[in-house]
Protein backbone atom coordinates (compact mmCIF):
# COMPACT_ATOMS: atom_id res chain seq x y z
CA MET A 1 55.23 104.59 44.76
CA ALA A 2 57.37 102.68 42.25
CA LEU A 3 60.54 104.31 41.02
CA VAL A 4 60.81 105.27 37.36
CA ASN A 5 63.44 105.85 34.72
CA GLY A 6 66.91 106.60 36.05
CA ASP A 7 65.87 106.25 39.70
CA LEU A 8 64.66 102.67 39.06
CA SER A 9 67.86 101.71 37.26
CA ALA A 10 69.95 103.10 40.10
CA ALA A 11 67.84 101.27 42.69
CA ARG A 12 68.19 97.98 40.82
CA ALA A 13 71.95 98.46 40.56
CA ALA A 14 72.15 99.15 44.29
CA ILE A 15 70.18 95.99 45.13
CA ALA A 16 72.30 93.92 42.74
CA ASP A 17 75.38 95.23 44.49
CA GLN A 18 73.91 94.09 47.83
CA VAL A 19 72.93 90.67 46.49
CA LYS A 20 76.15 89.69 44.76
CA PHE A 21 78.51 87.42 46.67
CA ASP A 22 81.76 85.69 45.75
CA ILE A 23 81.85 82.51 47.85
CA LEU A 24 85.35 81.47 46.78
CA THR A 25 88.38 82.50 48.79
CA GLU A 26 91.43 84.03 47.15
CA THR A 27 93.29 80.80 47.89
CA GLN A 28 90.44 78.38 47.12
CA GLU A 29 92.47 75.90 45.08
CA VAL A 30 95.12 75.70 47.79
CA ASP A 31 92.43 75.43 50.46
CA ASN A 32 90.82 72.54 48.61
CA GLU A 33 94.10 70.70 48.26
CA ASN A 34 94.78 71.14 51.97
CA ALA A 35 91.28 69.83 52.73
CA ARG A 36 91.91 66.75 50.56
CA ASN A 37 95.12 66.10 52.49
CA GLU A 38 93.21 66.35 55.77
CA ILE A 39 90.54 63.96 54.50
CA ALA A 40 93.22 61.44 53.61
CA ARG A 41 94.26 61.44 57.28
CA SER A 42 90.81 61.41 58.88
CA PHE A 43 89.24 58.26 60.33
CA ILE A 44 86.01 60.01 61.38
CA SER A 45 83.69 58.69 58.65
CA ASP A 46 83.50 57.70 55.00
CA THR A 47 81.02 60.54 54.41
CA ILE A 48 83.84 63.05 54.39
CA THR A 49 85.17 61.92 51.02
CA VAL A 50 85.07 64.59 48.32
CA PRO A 51 84.45 64.47 44.57
CA SER A 52 87.58 64.02 42.52
CA LYS A 53 88.34 66.41 39.68
CA GLU A 54 87.40 63.61 37.28
CA MET A 55 84.02 63.24 38.98
CA TYR A 56 83.42 66.98 38.69
CA THR A 57 84.28 66.89 34.99
CA TYR A 58 81.94 63.95 34.35
CA ALA A 59 79.11 65.57 36.34
CA SER A 60 79.44 68.83 34.44
CA LEU A 61 78.32 66.99 31.29
CA ALA A 62 75.06 65.76 32.88
CA SER A 63 71.59 66.54 31.57
CA VAL A 64 69.91 69.73 32.72
CA GLY A 65 66.33 68.63 33.33
CA ASP A 66 64.07 69.27 36.33
CA ASP A 67 63.54 66.17 38.46
CA VAL A 68 60.05 67.23 39.56
CA TYR A 69 59.11 67.12 35.87
CA HIS A 70 61.68 65.20 33.81
CA GLU A 71 65.41 64.78 34.44
CA PRO A 72 67.03 62.30 31.97
CA CYS A 73 70.20 61.44 33.91
CA THR A 74 68.30 60.95 37.16
CA LEU A 75 65.72 58.74 35.46
CA ALA A 76 68.52 56.69 33.91
CA LEU A 77 70.16 56.26 37.32
CA GLU A 78 66.86 55.15 38.86
CA VAL A 79 66.32 52.59 36.09
CA HIS A 80 69.85 51.27 36.58
CA MET A 81 69.44 50.98 40.35
CA ALA A 82 66.16 49.12 40.00
CA LYS A 83 67.75 46.66 37.58
CA LEU A 84 70.88 46.29 39.71
CA THR A 85 68.89 45.40 42.82
CA GLY A 86 66.24 43.29 41.09
CA LYS A 87 63.40 45.66 42.01
CA GLU A 88 60.74 47.23 39.81
CA ALA A 89 61.52 50.89 40.49
CA ALA A 90 63.84 53.30 42.27
CA LEU A 91 63.79 56.83 43.65
CA PHE A 92 66.74 59.22 44.00
CA VAL A 93 66.66 61.16 47.28
CA PRO A 94 68.97 63.63 49.04
CA SER A 95 70.02 61.43 51.97
CA GLY A 96 69.99 57.97 53.49
CA THR A 97 67.91 59.22 56.41
CA MET A 98 65.21 60.46 54.04
CA SER A 99 65.37 57.19 52.12
CA ASN A 100 64.84 55.11 55.26
CA GLN A 101 62.08 57.36 56.58
CA LEU A 102 60.28 57.38 53.22
CA ALA A 103 60.40 53.59 53.14
CA LEU A 104 58.96 53.19 56.62
CA ARG A 105 56.28 55.84 56.07
CA THR A 106 55.25 54.16 52.82
CA HIS A 107 55.07 50.67 54.37
CA LEU A 108 53.15 51.76 57.48
CA LYS A 109 49.50 52.24 56.59
CA GLN A 110 47.24 52.19 59.66
CA PRO A 111 48.40 52.77 63.26
CA PRO A 112 49.00 51.53 65.85
CA TYR A 113 52.05 49.75 64.54
CA SER A 114 55.69 49.09 65.37
CA VAL A 115 59.04 48.65 63.64
CA LEU A 116 61.46 46.02 64.92
CA CYS A 117 65.15 46.76 64.43
CA ASP A 118 68.62 46.30 65.89
CA HIS A 119 69.08 48.62 68.87
CA ARG A 120 72.26 49.97 67.24
CA GLY A 121 70.56 50.68 63.92
CA HIS A 122 70.77 54.01 62.17
CA ILE A 123 66.98 54.33 62.05
CA ASN A 124 66.85 53.91 65.83
CA CYS A 125 69.84 55.99 66.93
CA TYR A 126 70.73 58.53 64.27
CA GLU A 127 67.62 59.74 62.46
CA ALA A 128 66.31 62.26 65.01
CA GLY A 129 63.40 60.12 66.13
CA GLY A 130 62.04 60.05 62.59
CA ILE A 131 60.09 56.82 63.02
CA ALA A 132 57.98 58.39 65.74
CA PHE A 133 57.75 61.84 64.13
CA HIS A 134 57.04 60.92 60.52
CA SER A 135 55.16 57.65 60.94
CA GLY A 136 53.86 57.76 64.51
CA ALA A 137 55.32 54.29 64.97
CA HIS A 138 56.56 52.51 68.05
CA THR A 139 60.09 51.10 67.78
CA ILE A 140 61.14 47.73 69.15
CA PRO A 141 64.95 47.96 69.43
CA VAL A 142 66.45 44.52 69.96
CA ILE A 143 69.90 43.67 71.36
CA PRO A 144 71.38 40.78 69.33
CA SER A 145 71.90 37.80 71.61
CA ASN A 146 75.13 36.93 69.78
CA GLY A 147 76.48 40.48 70.00
CA HIS A 148 76.91 40.67 66.22
CA HIS A 149 73.62 40.51 64.31
CA LEU A 150 69.96 39.82 64.88
CA THR A 151 68.83 36.23 64.47
CA LEU A 152 65.42 34.77 63.74
CA ALA A 153 65.28 33.70 67.38
CA ASP A 154 65.86 37.32 68.45
CA VAL A 155 63.07 38.49 66.17
CA GLU A 156 60.64 35.82 67.31
CA GLU A 157 61.32 36.66 70.95
CA HIS A 158 60.61 40.37 70.63
CA ILE A 159 58.15 40.77 67.77
CA THR A 160 54.51 41.64 68.40
CA LEU A 161 52.06 39.65 66.28
CA GLY A 162 48.29 39.32 66.29
CA THR A 163 45.46 41.68 67.14
CA ASP A 164 44.44 40.65 70.67
CA LEU A 165 45.25 43.56 72.97
CA HIS A 166 45.13 41.76 76.29
CA TRP A 167 45.84 38.04 76.19
CA TYR A 168 48.58 35.95 74.73
CA GLU A 169 48.63 32.17 74.50
CA PRO A 170 52.23 30.89 74.10
CA SER A 171 51.15 27.70 72.33
CA SER A 172 48.03 25.77 71.46
CA SER A 173 48.94 23.20 74.11
CA ALA A 174 49.41 25.77 76.88
CA ASP A 175 47.41 25.18 80.04
CA VAL A 176 47.20 28.82 81.05
CA TRP A 177 46.91 32.21 79.45
CA ILE A 178 49.48 34.82 80.40
CA PHE A 179 49.51 38.59 80.29
CA PRO A 180 53.01 40.00 79.66
CA GLU A 181 53.26 43.71 78.86
CA LEU A 182 55.06 43.04 75.58
CA TYR A 183 51.92 41.64 74.03
CA VAL A 184 49.79 44.72 74.53
CA SER A 185 52.23 46.71 72.39
CA ALA A 186 51.63 47.96 68.85
CA THR A 187 51.60 45.18 66.27
CA THR A 188 54.84 44.89 64.32
CA GLU A 189 54.42 45.65 60.63
CA VAL A 190 58.02 46.17 59.49
CA ILE A 191 61.28 44.43 60.31
CA ALA A 192 64.11 46.81 59.46
CA LEU A 193 67.63 45.41 59.20
CA GLU A 194 70.97 47.09 58.43
CA ASN A 195 73.83 45.71 56.36
CA THR A 196 76.57 46.56 57.06
CA LEU A 197 76.05 47.68 60.65
CA ASN A 198 79.10 49.19 62.34
CA GLY A 199 81.04 47.75 59.44
CA THR A 200 79.98 44.16 60.12
CA ILE A 201 78.36 41.91 57.54
CA PHE A 202 74.92 40.47 58.27
CA PRO A 203 74.96 36.75 57.27
CA GLN A 204 72.71 36.34 54.26
CA ASP A 205 71.33 32.98 55.35
CA GLU A 206 70.01 34.55 58.56
CA ILE A 207 68.47 37.41 56.61
CA VAL A 208 66.64 34.89 54.43
CA LYS A 209 65.27 33.11 57.52
CA ILE A 210 64.00 36.38 59.00
CA SER A 211 62.50 37.38 55.66
CA GLN A 212 60.64 34.09 55.27
CA PHE A 213 59.26 34.47 58.80
CA ALA A 214 58.24 38.08 58.15
CA HIS A 215 56.49 37.41 54.86
CA THR A 216 54.74 34.33 56.25
CA ASN A 217 53.25 36.61 58.89
CA GLY A 218 52.34 39.38 56.47
CA LEU A 219 55.13 41.75 57.55
CA LYS A 220 57.29 43.97 55.36
CA MET A 221 61.10 43.85 55.26
CA HIS A 222 63.20 47.00 54.87
CA LEU A 223 66.98 47.16 54.57
CA ASP A 224 69.15 50.12 55.44
CA GLY A 225 71.79 49.19 52.89
CA ALA A 226 73.70 52.46 53.01
CA ARG A 227 76.95 50.47 52.93
CA LEU A 228 75.60 47.37 51.19
CA TRP A 229 78.21 48.04 48.50
CA HIS A 230 80.84 46.83 50.96
CA VAL A 231 79.04 43.51 51.42
CA ALA A 232 78.92 42.92 47.67
CA ALA A 233 82.57 43.87 47.26
CA GLU A 234 83.80 41.75 50.17
CA THR A 235 81.71 38.62 49.62
CA GLY A 236 81.24 38.69 45.85
CA THR A 237 77.47 38.43 46.32
CA PRO A 238 75.40 40.21 43.63
CA LEU A 239 73.36 43.20 44.79
CA LYS A 240 70.18 41.50 43.60
CA THR A 241 70.80 38.50 45.85
CA LEU A 242 71.47 40.76 48.82
CA CYS A 243 68.26 42.73 48.13
CA ASP A 244 65.92 39.85 47.24
CA PRO A 245 64.71 39.18 50.83
CA PHE A 246 63.55 42.77 51.24
CA ASP A 247 60.49 44.71 50.09
CA SER A 248 62.50 47.93 50.09
CA VAL A 249 66.18 48.83 50.25
CA SER A 250 68.00 52.12 50.78
CA LEU A 251 71.45 52.46 49.22
CA CYS A 252 73.78 55.43 49.72
CA PHE A 253 76.06 56.95 47.09
CA SER A 254 78.06 59.16 49.47
CA LYS A 255 78.94 56.62 52.18
CA GLY A 256 81.75 54.50 50.84
CA LEU A 257 81.34 55.40 47.18
CA GLY A 258 82.46 59.01 47.45
CA ALA A 259 79.62 60.84 45.68
CA PRO A 260 78.81 64.25 47.18
CA VAL A 261 75.07 63.76 47.76
CA GLY A 262 72.35 61.18 47.41
CA SER A 263 70.79 57.82 48.15
CA CYS A 264 68.40 55.60 46.25
CA LEU A 265 65.31 53.82 47.52
CA VAL A 266 64.24 50.72 45.58
CA GLY A 267 61.07 48.64 45.71
CA SER A 268 57.94 47.77 43.75
CA THR A 269 56.42 50.17 41.23
CA GLU A 270 53.48 50.95 43.50
CA PHE A 271 55.74 51.36 46.54
CA ILE A 272 58.01 53.85 44.76
CA ARG A 273 55.01 55.73 43.36
CA LYS A 274 53.77 56.31 46.90
CA ALA A 275 57.27 57.04 48.21
CA ARG A 276 57.70 59.69 45.51
CA TRP A 277 54.54 61.36 46.79
CA PHE A 278 55.89 61.27 50.35
CA ARG A 279 59.24 62.63 49.14
CA LYS A 280 57.40 65.73 47.94
CA LEU A 281 55.57 65.97 51.27
CA PHE A 282 58.89 65.65 53.15
CA GLY A 283 60.35 68.53 51.11
CA GLY A 284 62.63 66.25 49.11
CA GLY A 285 61.48 67.10 45.60
CA MET A 286 64.55 68.39 43.78
CA ARG A 287 65.15 70.23 40.55
CA GLN A 288 68.37 70.06 38.50
CA THR A 289 69.65 66.77 39.93
CA GLY A 290 71.56 65.71 36.83
CA VAL A 291 74.92 66.69 38.28
CA LEU A 292 74.20 64.68 41.43
CA SER A 293 73.02 61.63 39.50
CA ALA A 294 76.06 61.81 37.25
CA SER A 295 78.31 61.95 40.31
CA ALA A 296 76.58 58.84 41.64
CA ALA A 297 77.03 57.08 38.31
CA TYR A 298 80.73 57.99 38.31
CA ALA A 299 81.05 56.64 41.85
CA LEU A 300 79.41 53.35 40.89
CA THR A 301 81.74 52.92 37.93
CA HIS A 302 85.04 54.13 39.33
CA ASN A 303 84.82 53.99 43.14
CA PHE A 304 82.98 50.75 43.83
CA PRO A 305 85.95 48.70 42.48
CA GLN A 306 88.18 50.38 45.09
CA LEU A 307 86.31 48.90 48.08
CA PRO A 308 88.37 45.66 48.33
CA ARG A 309 91.47 47.85 48.67
CA VAL A 310 89.72 49.80 51.43
CA HIS A 311 88.97 46.55 53.27
CA GLU A 312 92.58 45.42 53.04
CA LEU A 313 93.76 48.74 54.43
CA THR A 314 91.27 48.43 57.29
CA ARG A 315 92.56 44.94 58.09
CA ARG A 316 96.11 46.31 58.09
CA LEU A 317 95.03 48.95 60.61
CA GLU A 318 93.38 46.34 62.79
CA SER A 319 96.31 43.93 62.75
CA GLY A 320 98.85 46.67 63.44
CA LEU A 321 96.94 47.96 66.46
CA LYS A 322 96.16 44.47 67.73
CA GLU A 323 99.84 43.51 67.67
CA LEU A 324 100.55 46.45 69.97
CA GLY A 325 97.95 45.28 72.50
CA VAL A 326 94.99 47.47 71.55
CA LYS A 327 91.73 45.66 72.24
CA ILE A 328 89.63 45.19 69.11
CA THR A 329 85.98 45.50 70.12
CA SER A 330 84.67 44.95 66.58
CA GLY A 331 86.89 43.60 63.85
CA ALA A 332 87.54 44.82 60.34
CA GLU A 333 84.96 42.94 58.29
CA THR A 334 84.73 45.82 55.82
CA CYS A 335 85.72 49.48 56.31
CA MET A 336 85.50 49.93 60.08
CA VAL A 337 87.36 48.74 63.12
CA PHE A 338 86.41 49.60 66.70
CA ILE A 339 89.17 49.81 69.26
CA ASN A 340 89.80 50.15 72.97
CA PRO A 341 93.31 51.48 73.74
CA THR A 342 92.85 51.50 77.52
CA PRO A 343 94.58 48.11 78.06
CA LEU A 344 97.77 50.00 77.12
CA GLY A 345 96.96 52.82 79.52
CA ILE A 346 95.92 55.13 76.69
CA SER A 347 92.63 56.99 76.99
CA TYR A 348 90.52 57.84 73.95
CA GLN A 349 90.95 61.53 74.65
CA GLU A 350 94.72 61.20 74.85
CA LEU A 351 94.85 59.31 71.56
CA VAL A 352 92.64 61.86 69.82
CA THR A 353 94.67 64.77 71.15
CA ARG A 354 98.08 63.34 70.34
CA ALA A 355 96.93 62.38 66.85
CA SER A 356 95.80 65.96 66.25
CA GLU A 357 99.22 67.25 67.36
CA LEU A 358 101.27 65.24 64.87
CA PRO A 359 103.25 67.25 62.27
CA ALA A 360 100.76 65.85 59.78
CA PRO A 361 97.67 65.65 62.00
CA ILE A 362 95.38 62.63 62.11
CA LYS A 363 91.72 63.15 62.92
CA LEU A 364 90.02 60.64 65.22
CA GLY A 365 86.65 60.61 66.93
CA GLY A 366 86.97 57.88 69.53
CA SER A 367 86.64 54.11 69.26
CA ARG A 368 85.40 53.97 65.66
CA LEU A 369 88.03 54.08 62.93
CA VAL A 370 86.64 54.35 59.41
CA VAL A 371 88.79 53.78 56.33
CA HIS A 372 87.55 55.14 53.00
CA ILE A 373 88.58 55.35 49.36
CA GLN A 374 90.63 58.49 50.02
CA THR A 375 92.40 57.25 53.16
CA SER A 376 96.17 57.43 52.81
CA PRO A 377 98.04 54.19 53.54
CA GLN A 378 100.64 56.39 55.21
CA ALA A 379 97.99 57.68 57.62
CA VAL A 380 97.32 54.09 58.68
CA GLU A 381 101.00 53.47 59.33
CA ASP A 382 101.36 56.79 61.15
CA LEU A 383 98.42 55.97 63.45
CA ILE A 384 99.90 52.57 64.28
CA GLU A 385 103.24 54.20 65.01
CA LEU A 386 101.61 56.83 67.24
CA VAL A 387 99.99 54.10 69.34
CA ARG A 388 103.38 52.35 69.54
CA VAL A 389 104.97 55.57 70.86
CA LEU A 390 102.19 56.13 73.39
CA ALA A 391 102.39 52.52 74.59
CA ASP A 392 106.14 52.88 75.09
CA GLU A 393 105.63 56.08 77.05
CA LYS A 394 103.10 54.36 79.32
CA ALA A 395 105.39 51.36 79.83
CA LYS A 396 108.34 53.59 80.77
CA ALA A 397 106.06 55.38 83.25
CA GLY A 398 105.34 52.03 84.93
CA PHE A 399 101.98 51.10 83.42
CA VAL A 400 101.43 47.36 83.14
CA PRO A 401 99.30 46.39 80.09
CA SER A 402 96.11 44.44 80.85
CA SER A 403 93.96 42.21 78.69
CA GLU A 404 91.05 42.20 81.14
CA SER A 405 87.75 43.62 79.98
CA THR A 406 84.63 44.51 81.90
CA SER A 407 82.48 45.09 78.82
CA THR A 408 79.27 43.18 78.17
CA ALA A 409 77.40 42.31 74.99
CA SER A 410 74.87 45.09 75.63
CA GLN A 411 77.48 47.84 76.05
CA SER A 412 78.11 50.10 73.07
CA ILE A 413 81.43 49.74 71.28
CA TYR A 414 80.91 53.26 69.99
CA VAL A 415 82.84 55.52 72.36
CA ARG A 416 83.34 59.18 71.51
CA SER A 417 86.03 61.41 72.84
CA ILE A 418 85.28 64.99 73.90
CA ARG A 419 86.33 66.15 70.43
CA ALA A 420 84.42 63.42 68.63
CA GLU A 421 81.94 64.18 65.90
CA LYS A 422 78.50 62.70 65.38
CA LYS A 423 78.14 59.34 63.68
CA ALA A 424 77.37 59.30 59.97
């Protein structure tokens, strides 16, 4: 039986007392400042950047609509992103993973089908098997023959074309028919590339060649362009030019640009209409997204221009470590450098541990060093100096530096220490 009068008021007050919760600590401002200092000395990822006070202030002025119905700031951001990339429409989503998975699910219409991608790609390695789960698609992960990026020759060698399930004729002049297992696989319908990938820039001329091949054969092209901003900043190439070869592109506002949340998927009007429907199905329909869209807009305006400085700082880190004898397994083309300190006798675990024990700790995760807009130049110098100290210690202990390497093109440059965190 429902409570009445005074009993009901007392019950409501008791429940309200149970529900209320103050999430802030008594030292929240100090805690936040300490966290910002830690972020400035972390080389784990560029996703760890935090909104500046100026970004918070700008975001607090955003519109207060409901994105499932009508959210003015979010609509304005989507219009801007479509124009910026030369596409007809855009869709704001919570994450880059959702953006990629929405794109693939929207492109893939009737199974069986497959998606061809770089074996190191985010959609293959770091999206929880989403291609198989969401789209029921087979993945063809390809190892680049040049060790850097996929080429048209790589694509042609591994792609599955045609509808014949059993026989494949290599050329019209062939004398015999052959029956390799590759050609009874699911027909490729999407070629998914990534730029940048591990911080490296995919040559645009090769992308154009792959795109022409794909479209000639009726295939779709998708780009995981989470860090495409870095390519534009480093090469001076307009975003539209970088996106033109693709039917869909995913761009991230939190990686590199420092917004707290969000990515944008761009494509044709019909493509985005269908992707918006899938976003709802995936549980990605959001409500008051104005503050997030405003944060993204602030990042585009104020943080994108900082990327050339980030690249210079990354190159300083690379050159400083290389001078000491650290092996560079992937150079600083944008915001990442991959290293191997073992030629100096230093293990990844030792480097991670000693960095964490500095008076002003440095956070490392293994071979991948990521520089971001909030990285302190002093942290770069301190990391170089730490490696110098460790190398001296090894030399005094009798270790003889070696330049020999047993790595191969197919081996991953991404090595995590025991304390390492997951890739982002």
